[in-house]
Amino acid sequence: MVWWRGNGLWIGLLVAACIAAADKCLGHIGVAIACLASAAILFGVRGSLEDSSLFSIPTWFWWPGLFALGILVLFKG
């Protein structure tokens, strides 16, 4: 089983650190903002991360998931 490939581990740690820091500073609104910002960043660099994955989930799938999670947290709190 492949847990990570390419830069998946580092990108996953970056996203997790952004979300955790935003939660500490701003609460659930910060989590929503961090998820949306992470989705935008991953959407912007999606071409250079084609071969990356974390926990066998390819990074091309992360930005729609983070976008949906950000919208869900924003409206459901």
N, C-alpha and C. Protein backbone atom coordinates (compact mmCIF):
# COMPACT_ATOMS: atom_id res chain seq x y z
N MET A 1 0.85 -1.18 0.00
CA MET A 1 0.00 0.00 0.00
C MET A 1 0.89 1.24 0.00
N VAL A 2 0.55 2.18 -0.84
CA VAL A 2 1.31 3.42 -0.93
C VAL A 2 0.60 4.47 -0.07
N TRP A 3 1.31 5.02 0.90
CA TRP A 3 0.70 6.03 1.76
C TRP A 3 0.84 7.42 1.18
N TRP A 4 2.00 7.72 0.62
CA TRP A 4 2.14 8.99 -0.08
C TRP A 4 3.09 8.83 -1.24
N ARG A 5 2.90 9.69 -2.20
CA ARG A 5 3.72 9.67 -3.40
C ARG A 5 4.01 11.11 -3.78
N GLY A 6 5.18 11.36 -4.29
CA GLY A 6 5.54 12.71 -4.71
C GLY A 6 5.58 13.67 -3.54
N ASN A 7 4.94 14.81 -3.70
CA ASN A 7 4.90 15.83 -2.64
C ASN A 7 3.63 15.76 -1.80
N GLY A 8 2.93 14.66 -1.83
CA GLY A 8 1.67 14.53 -1.11
C GLY A 8 1.80 14.72 0.38
N LEU A 9 2.86 14.20 0.97
CA LEU A 9 3.04 14.34 2.42
C LEU A 9 3.24 15.80 2.81
N TRP A 10 4.07 16.51 2.08
CA TRP A 10 4.35 17.92 2.42
C TRP A 10 3.15 18.82 2.16
N ILE A 11 2.42 18.57 1.09
CA ILE A 11 1.22 19.35 0.81
C ILE A 11 0.16 19.07 1.87
N GLY A 12 0.02 17.82 2.28
CA GLY A 12 -0.94 17.48 3.34
C GLY A 12 -0.60 18.14 4.66
N LEU A 13 0.68 18.17 5.00
CA LEU A 13 1.10 18.85 6.24
C LEU A 13 0.86 20.35 6.17
N LEU A 14 1.09 20.95 5.01
CA LEU A 14 0.84 22.37 4.83
C LEU A 14 -0.64 22.70 4.98
N VAL A 15 -1.49 21.92 4.36
CA VAL A 15 -2.94 22.14 4.47
C VAL A 15 -3.40 21.97 5.91
N ALA A 16 -2.94 20.91 6.58
CA ALA A 16 -3.32 20.66 7.97
C ALA A 16 -2.85 21.78 8.89
N ALA A 17 -1.63 22.27 8.67
CA ALA A 17 -1.11 23.36 9.51
C ALA A 17 -1.90 24.64 9.30
N CYS A 18 -2.28 24.94 8.06
CA CYS A 18 -3.09 26.13 7.79
C CYS A 18 -4.44 26.05 8.47
N ILE A 19 -5.09 24.90 8.39
CA ILE A 19 -6.41 24.73 9.00
C ILE A 19 -6.31 24.78 10.52
N ALA A 20 -5.31 24.15 11.10
CA ALA A 20 -5.15 24.16 12.55
C ALA A 20 -4.85 25.57 13.08
N ALA A 21 -4.00 26.30 12.38
CA ALA A 21 -3.67 27.67 12.81
C ALA A 21 -4.89 28.58 12.68
N ALA A 22 -5.65 28.42 11.61
CA ALA A 22 -6.84 29.25 11.42
C ALA A 22 -7.90 28.93 12.48
N ASP A 23 -8.01 27.67 12.87
CA ASP A 23 -8.95 27.30 13.92
C ASP A 23 -8.58 27.93 15.25
N LYS A 24 -7.28 27.94 15.57
CA LYS A 24 -6.83 28.56 16.81
C LYS A 24 -7.09 30.06 16.84
N CYS A 25 -6.93 30.71 15.69
CA CYS A 25 -7.06 32.17 15.63
C CYS A 25 -8.49 32.65 15.47
N LEU A 26 -9.26 32.00 14.58
CA LEU A 26 -10.56 32.54 14.20
C LEU A 26 -11.74 31.61 14.44
N GLY A 27 -11.52 30.41 14.92
CA GLY A 27 -12.61 29.49 15.15
C GLY A 27 -13.11 28.86 13.86
N HIS A 28 -14.42 28.53 13.82
CA HIS A 28 -14.93 27.80 12.66
C HIS A 28 -14.93 28.64 11.39
N ILE A 29 -15.03 29.95 11.51
CA ILE A 29 -14.91 30.81 10.32
C ILE A 29 -13.50 30.70 9.74
N GLY A 30 -12.51 30.64 10.60
CA GLY A 30 -11.13 30.47 10.15
C GLY A 30 -10.91 29.15 9.46
N VAL A 31 -11.56 28.09 9.96
CA VAL A 31 -11.44 26.78 9.32
C VAL A 31 -12.03 26.84 7.91
N ALA A 32 -13.18 27.49 7.77
CA ALA A 32 -13.80 27.62 6.45
C ALA A 32 -12.90 28.42 5.50
N ILE A 33 -12.35 29.51 6.00
CA ILE A 33 -11.46 30.33 5.17
C ILE A 33 -10.21 29.55 4.78
N ALA A 34 -9.63 28.82 5.73
CA ALA A 34 -8.42 28.04 5.45
C ALA A 34 -8.70 26.92 4.45
N CYS A 35 -9.85 26.27 4.56
CA CYS A 35 -10.20 25.22 3.59
C CYS A 35 -10.37 25.81 2.20
N LEU A 36 -11.05 26.95 2.10
CA LEU A 36 -11.25 27.58 0.80
C LEU A 36 -9.93 28.09 0.23
N ALA A 37 -9.08 28.65 1.08
CA ALA A 37 -7.77 29.12 0.61
C ALA A 37 -6.89 27.95 0.17
N SER A 38 -6.91 26.86 0.92
CA SER A 38 -6.13 25.68 0.53
C SER A 38 -6.63 25.10 -0.77
N ALA A 39 -7.95 25.08 -0.95
CA ALA A 39 -8.52 24.59 -2.22
C ALA A 39 -8.08 25.47 -3.38
N ALA A 40 -8.06 26.78 -3.17
CA ALA A 40 -7.63 27.70 -4.23
C ALA A 40 -6.15 27.50 -4.57
N ILE A 41 -5.32 27.31 -3.56
CA ILE A 41 -3.90 27.09 -3.79
C ILE A 41 -3.68 25.77 -4.54
N LEU A 42 -4.35 24.71 -4.10
CA LEU A 42 -4.19 23.43 -4.78
C LEU A 42 -4.74 23.46 -6.20
N PHE A 43 -5.80 24.23 -6.42
CA PHE A 43 -6.32 24.38 -7.78
C PHE A 43 -5.29 25.10 -8.66
N GLY A 44 -4.62 26.07 -8.08
CA GLY A 44 -3.62 26.83 -8.84
C GLY A 44 -2.39 26.03 -9.20
N VAL A 45 -1.98 25.10 -8.35
CA VAL A 45 -0.76 24.32 -8.61
C VAL A 45 -1.07 22.89 -9.02
N ARG A 46 -2.28 22.62 -9.45
CA ARG A 46 -2.68 21.25 -9.76
C ARG A 46 -1.85 20.62 -10.87
N GLY A 47 -1.33 21.41 -11.77
CA GLY A 47 -0.53 20.86 -12.86
C GLY A 47 0.80 20.28 -12.40
N SER A 48 1.37 20.84 -11.35
CA SER A 48 2.67 20.37 -10.87
C SER A 48 2.55 19.26 -9.83
N LEU A 49 1.34 18.92 -9.41
CA LEU A 49 1.15 17.90 -8.38
C LEU A 49 0.45 16.65 -8.92
N GLU A 50 0.53 16.41 -10.22
CA GLU A 50 -0.23 15.32 -10.82
C GLU A 50 0.11 13.94 -10.26
N ASP A 51 1.37 13.71 -9.90
CA ASP A 51 1.77 12.39 -9.43
C ASP A 51 1.77 12.28 -7.91
N SER A 52 1.26 13.27 -7.19
CA SER A 52 1.31 13.27 -5.74
C SER A 52 0.03 12.71 -5.13
N SER A 53 0.19 12.05 -3.99
CA SER A 53 -0.96 11.54 -3.26
C SER A 53 -0.59 11.43 -1.78
N LEU A 54 -1.60 11.41 -0.93
CA LEU A 54 -1.42 11.20 0.50
C LEU A 54 -2.49 10.22 0.95
N PHE A 55 -2.10 9.18 1.66
CA PHE A 55 -3.00 8.10 2.05
C PHE A 55 -3.73 7.54 0.84
N SER A 56 -3.01 7.43 -0.27
CA SER A 56 -3.49 6.90 -1.54
C SER A 56 -4.63 7.70 -2.15
N ILE A 57 -4.83 8.95 -1.73
CA ILE A 57 -5.82 9.85 -2.34
C ILE A 57 -5.04 10.85 -3.17
N PRO A 58 -5.23 10.86 -4.48
CA PRO A 58 -4.48 11.78 -5.34
C PRO A 58 -4.80 13.24 -5.03
N THR A 59 -3.80 14.11 -5.18
CA THR A 59 -4.00 15.52 -4.87
C THR A 59 -4.96 16.21 -5.82
N TRP A 60 -5.21 15.65 -7.00
CA TRP A 60 -6.17 16.28 -7.91
C TRP A 60 -7.58 16.22 -7.34
N PHE A 61 -7.82 15.33 -6.38
CA PHE A 61 -9.14 15.22 -5.76
C PHE A 61 -9.28 16.11 -4.53
N TRP A 62 -8.17 16.62 -4.00
CA TRP A 62 -8.22 17.39 -2.76
C TRP A 62 -8.95 18.70 -2.88
N TRP A 63 -8.70 19.46 -3.96
CA TRP A 63 -9.27 20.80 -4.02
C TRP A 63 -10.80 20.78 -4.07
N PRO A 64 -11.46 19.87 -4.79
CA PRO A 64 -12.93 19.88 -4.70
C PRO A 64 -13.42 19.48 -3.31
N GLY A 65 -12.71 18.54 -2.68
CA GLY A 65 -13.08 18.12 -1.33
C GLY A 65 -12.91 19.24 -0.31
N LEU A 66 -11.79 19.95 -0.40
CA LEU A 66 -11.56 21.07 0.51
C LEU A 66 -12.54 22.20 0.27
N PHE A 67 -12.88 22.45 -0.99
CA PHE A 67 -13.86 23.48 -1.31
C PHE A 67 -15.23 23.12 -0.72
N ALA A 68 -15.65 21.88 -0.90
CA ALA A 68 -16.93 21.43 -0.34
C ALA A 68 -16.92 21.49 1.19
N LEU A 69 -15.82 21.07 1.80
CA LEU A 69 -15.70 21.13 3.25
C LEU A 69 -15.74 22.57 3.76
N GLY A 70 -15.06 23.47 3.06
CA GLY A 70 -15.07 24.88 3.44
C GLY A 70 -16.46 25.48 3.38
N ILE A 71 -17.20 25.19 2.31
CA ILE A 71 -18.57 25.69 2.18
C ILE A 71 -19.46 25.09 3.26
N LEU A 72 -19.30 23.80 3.53
CA LEU A 72 -20.10 23.14 4.56
C LEU A 72 -19.84 23.76 5.93
N VAL A 73 -18.58 23.95 6.28
CA VAL A 73 -18.24 24.54 7.58
C VAL A 73 -18.71 25.98 7.68
N LEU A 74 -18.62 26.70 6.58
CA LEU A 74 -19.05 28.10 6.57
C LEU A 74 -20.54 28.24 6.87
N PHE A 75 -21.35 27.39 6.27
CA PHE A 75 -22.79 27.52 6.44
C PHE A 75 -23.36 26.72 7.61
N LYS A 76 -22.71 25.64 8.00
CA LYS A 76 -23.21 24.83 9.10
C LYS A 76 -22.55 25.16 10.44
N GLY A 77 -21.36 25.74 10.38
CA GLY A 77 -20.66 26.18 11.58
C GLY A 77 -20.33 25.03 12.48
